[in-house]
Protein backbone atom coordinates (compact mmCIF):
# COMPACT_ATOMS: atom_id res chain seq x y z
CA MET A 1 17.20 29.03 -36.36
CA SER A 2 16.18 30.71 -33.10
CA ILE A 3 12.49 30.55 -34.07
CA TYR A 4 12.83 26.83 -34.77
CA GLN A 5 14.42 26.28 -31.36
CA TRP A 6 11.66 28.25 -29.65
CA PHE A 7 8.88 26.26 -31.37
CA SER A 8 10.56 22.90 -30.76
CA GLY A 9 11.14 23.74 -27.08
CA ALA A 10 7.53 24.87 -26.60
CA PHE A 11 6.21 21.74 -28.33
CA THR A 12 8.37 19.49 -26.14
CA ARG A 13 7.30 21.19 -22.89
CA ILE A 14 3.59 21.13 -23.76
CA ALA A 15 3.71 17.48 -24.86
CA LEU A 16 5.56 16.51 -21.68
CA ALA A 17 3.03 18.44 -19.55
CA HIS A 18 0.13 16.56 -21.19
CA LEU A 19 1.85 13.24 -20.59
CA LEU A 20 2.46 14.09 -16.92
CA ILE A 21 -1.19 15.11 -16.44
CA VAL A 22 -2.56 11.74 -17.57
CA GLU A 23 0.08 9.94 -15.50
CA ILE A 24 -0.59 11.93 -12.29
CA TRP A 25 -4.36 11.52 -12.68
CA MET A 26 -3.84 7.80 -13.35
CA ILE A 27 -5.79 7.76 -16.63
CA PRO A 28 -5.87 4.14 -17.86
CA GLY A 29 -4.10 3.33 -21.12
CA GLY A 30 -5.69 2.55 -24.44
CA ARG A 31 -8.38 4.51 -26.24
CA LYS A 32 -9.43 6.44 -23.13
CA ARG A 33 -5.94 7.93 -22.70
CA ILE A 34 -5.83 8.89 -26.38
CA TRP A 35 -9.11 10.77 -26.00
CA TRP A 36 -7.77 12.50 -22.89
CA LEU A 37 -4.60 13.59 -24.66
CA THR A 38 -6.66 14.85 -27.63
CA GLY A 39 -8.91 16.82 -25.30
CA LEU A 40 -5.93 18.32 -23.47
CA PHE A 41 -4.44 19.39 -26.80
CA PHE A 42 -7.60 21.26 -27.84
CA LEU A 43 -7.99 22.71 -24.34
CA SER A 44 -4.42 24.03 -24.42
CA SER A 45 -5.00 25.52 -27.87
CA THR A 46 -8.20 27.25 -26.68
CA LEU A 47 -6.65 28.58 -23.46
CA SER A 48 -3.73 30.05 -25.41
CA LEU A 49 -6.21 32.31 -27.23
CA LEU A 50 -7.78 33.72 -24.05
CA PRO A 51 -6.69 37.23 -22.92
CA LEU A 52 -5.41 35.89 -19.58
CA SER A 53 -2.67 37.81 -17.81
CA ALA A 54 0.14 36.11 -15.94
CA ILE A 55 -1.30 37.25 -12.59
CA GLN A 56 -4.75 35.84 -13.42
CA PHE A 57 -3.20 32.58 -14.57
CA TYR A 58 -1.20 32.10 -11.38
CA SER A 59 -4.26 32.99 -9.27
CA LEU A 60 -6.19 30.26 -11.07
CA LEU A 61 -3.43 27.75 -10.43
CA ALA A 62 -3.32 28.70 -6.74
CA ALA A 63 -7.08 28.10 -6.40
CA LEU A 64 -6.87 24.70 -8.09
CA ARG A 65 -3.90 23.60 -5.96
CA ALA A 66 -5.26 24.57 -2.53
CA ALA A 67 -6.94 21.28 -1.67
CA ARG A 68 -4.22 19.18 -3.29
CA LEU A 69 -1.53 20.96 -1.26
CA ALA A 70 -3.32 20.13 1.98
CA LEU A 71 -3.35 16.45 1.05
CA ASP A 72 0.26 16.42 -0.08
CA GLY A 73 1.59 17.92 3.17
CA GLN A 74 2.89 21.15 1.68
CA ALA A 75 2.51 24.76 2.78
CA CYS A 76 -0.46 26.67 1.37
CA SER A 77 -0.69 30.16 -0.04
CA PRO A 78 -2.59 32.92 1.83
CA TYR A 79 -6.13 31.70 2.33
CA ALA A 80 -9.23 33.94 2.39
CA PHE A 81 -12.68 32.79 3.46
CA GLY A 82 -16.05 34.17 4.48
CA GLY A 83 -17.89 34.11 7.77
CA LYS A 84 -20.79 31.92 8.79
CA LYS A 85 -23.44 34.64 8.73
CA ASP A 86 -22.45 36.40 5.52
CA LYS A 87 -20.52 35.96 2.31
CA GLN A 88 -17.97 38.66 3.09
CA THR A 89 -14.37 37.72 3.62
CA LEU A 90 -13.73 37.07 7.31
CA ALA A 91 -9.96 36.71 7.49
CA MET A 92 -6.78 35.93 5.62
CA LEU A 93 -4.78 32.93 6.81
CA VAL A 94 -1.45 31.42 5.88
CA LEU A 95 -1.73 27.66 6.38
CA GLU A 96 1.36 25.49 6.78
CA LYS A 97 2.60 22.07 7.86
CA PRO A 98 -0.54 20.11 6.93
CA LYS A 99 -0.69 16.48 7.95
CA ALA A 100 -3.04 14.37 5.87
CA ALA A 101 -4.08 10.73 6.02
CA ILE A 102 -6.31 8.83 3.60
CA ARG A 103 -7.68 5.57 5.01
CA PRO A 104 -9.45 2.94 2.90
CA VAL A 105 -12.23 1.16 4.81
CA LEU A 106 -13.88 -2.03 3.56
CA ARG A 107 -17.68 -1.96 3.60
CA GLY A 108 -18.84 -5.39 2.49
CA GLU A 109 -17.78 -5.86 -1.12
CA ASN A 110 -16.96 -2.18 -1.61
CA VAL A 111 -14.38 0.22 -0.26
CA VAL A 112 -14.81 3.78 1.02
CA PHE A 113 -12.23 6.33 2.05
CA GLN A 114 -11.86 8.58 5.08
CA VAL A 115 -9.69 11.69 4.81
CA ASP A 116 -8.20 13.40 7.86
CA VAL A 117 -6.33 16.71 7.55
CA ASP A 118 -4.64 18.50 10.45
CA ILE A 119 -3.20 21.88 9.57
CA SER A 120 -1.86 24.88 11.45
CA GLY A 121 -1.54 28.49 10.41
CA PHE A 122 -1.56 32.13 11.43
CA ILE A 123 -3.76 35.11 10.67
CA THR A 124 -2.37 37.88 8.50
CA GLN A 125 -5.47 40.06 8.16
CA LEU A 126 -8.96 40.43 9.65
CA PHE A 127 -11.71 41.93 7.51
CA ARG A 128 -14.68 41.95 9.90
CA GLN A 129 -15.15 44.88 12.24
CA GLY A 130 -15.67 44.02 15.90
CA PRO A 131 -14.68 40.99 17.99
CA VAL A 132 -13.84 37.74 16.21
CA ARG A 133 -13.15 34.49 18.05
CA GLU A 134 -10.35 32.16 17.01
CA ILE A 135 -12.69 29.17 17.15
CA GLU A 136 -14.92 30.80 14.52
CA ILE A 137 -11.99 31.34 12.18
CA GLU A 138 -10.74 27.78 12.69
CA THR A 139 -14.22 26.34 12.07
CA GLU A 140 -14.89 28.34 8.91
CA ALA A 141 -11.42 27.61 7.52
CA ALA A 142 -11.91 23.89 8.15
CA LYS A 143 -15.27 23.99 6.36
CA LYS A 144 -13.78 25.65 3.32
CA ILE A 145 -10.89 23.17 3.09
CA GLU A 146 -13.36 20.28 3.39
CA GLU A 147 -15.50 21.78 0.61
CA GLU A 148 -12.46 22.12 -1.66
CA ILE A 149 -11.35 18.53 -1.03
CA ARG A 150 -14.85 17.23 -1.79
CA GLY A 151 -15.03 19.51 -4.82
CA LEU A 152 -11.75 18.14 -6.10
CA PHE A 153 -13.12 14.60 -5.75
CA GLU A 154 -16.38 15.51 -7.54
CA LYS A 155 -14.47 17.11 -10.42
CA GLY A 156 -12.53 13.88 -10.75
CA LEU A 157 -15.80 11.92 -10.91
CA LYS A 158 -17.00 14.04 -13.83
CA LEU A 159 -13.67 13.69 -15.64
CA GLY A 160 -13.15 10.02 -14.81
CA ALA A 161 -9.91 10.89 -13.02
CA ASP A 162 -8.69 9.87 -9.56
CA THR A 163 -7.76 13.36 -8.40
CA LEU A 164 -7.22 12.29 -4.77
CA GLN A 165 -5.25 9.18 -5.80
CA LEU A 166 -7.58 6.92 -3.85
CA GLY A 167 -6.68 3.96 -6.04
CA HIS A 168 -3.00 4.42 -5.29
CA THR A 169 -3.74 4.53 -1.55
CA LEU A 170 -5.79 1.33 -1.75
CA TYR A 171 -3.05 -0.37 -3.78
CA ARG A 172 -0.41 0.47 -1.16
CA LYS A 173 -2.47 -0.56 1.88
CA HIS A 174 -4.69 -3.35 0.51
CA PRO A 175 -3.18 -4.63 -2.76
CA HIS A 176 -5.41 -7.72 -2.87
CA GLU A 177 -8.56 -5.57 -2.64
CA TRP A 178 -7.22 -3.26 -5.34
CA HIS A 179 -6.70 -6.19 -7.71
CA ARG A 180 -10.22 -7.40 -6.93
CA LEU A 181 -11.89 -4.05 -7.58
CA GLN A 182 -9.74 -2.60 -10.35
CA LYS A 183 -10.86 -2.32 -13.96
CA ASN A 184 -8.36 -1.57 -16.72
CA SER A 185 -5.65 -1.01 -14.06
CA ALA A 186 -7.68 1.72 -12.31
CA LEU A 187 -10.05 1.83 -9.35
CA PRO A 188 -13.62 2.67 -10.50
CA LEU A 189 -14.88 5.72 -8.63
CA ARG A 190 -18.32 6.03 -7.03
CA PRO A 191 -20.04 9.18 -5.66
CA ASP A 192 -20.26 7.62 -2.18
CA MET A 193 -16.62 6.50 -2.13
CA LEU A 194 -15.43 9.57 -0.18
CA GLU A 195 -17.15 8.72 3.10
CA SER A 196 -15.81 11.47 5.34
CA VAL A 197 -13.47 14.46 5.30
CA ASN A 198 -12.35 15.61 8.74
CA VAL A 199 -10.34 18.85 8.80
CA GLN A 200 -8.82 20.38 11.93
CA VAL A 201 -7.34 23.90 11.70
CA HIS A 202 -5.19 25.28 14.53
CA ILE A 203 -4.25 28.96 14.77
CA ASN A 204 -0.87 29.20 16.46
CA ASP A 205 -0.09 32.92 16.27
CA GLY A 206 -0.77 33.57 19.96
CA GLY A 207 -4.15 35.23 19.47
CA ILE A 208 -5.97 37.38 16.97
CA SER A 209 -5.82 40.50 19.10
CA LYS A 210 -2.42 41.29 17.61
CA VAL A 211 -3.73 41.26 14.06
CA LYS A 212 -4.84 44.52 12.54
CA GLN A 213 -8.40 44.72 11.27
CA LYS A 214 -8.85 46.04 7.77
CA PRO A 215 -11.06 49.14 7.81
């Protein structure tokens, strides 16, 4: 009896997770959604066979959520990034209180989107020996966040999914334009649709001189 309850509970949770994925990513109904659900089923079956520890799994989830968290206005996990001149890790930041805005802009018959993210944070660890300026850390952190937002959009293009919910934003702000452009109740995505991503990072810990450098 207990084994039956365990299997039925696992089946219900996995099926519900698949349903939420296609809803959050705004996958249109019909045959395309069926193919998505089928693919998610086989992907889940394959991932369950991988020797992936709980720590590795949660690290993967944290990496995938970083850009989405910035757009949703939630606090981010500790954030590591490299310097401009090398690939070594420059510093570790904790980013919090992000403010994001996605603006649809009409360009003739098409629409493009501009993303603005303003986020603050504090330094928890420096990895480079010698003097490091706050402006350098802010600039490099902003570049990495921009790359992750653009990467999230490009992944959505390959999967046919609106990962940044651009269609939802257009529907809320310009419903008539959404109805004009939509196909099968979804906004068709184009590679040039994400026109700009402007990220501003502000370090508010009172200076990096108080932070210990890692030897």
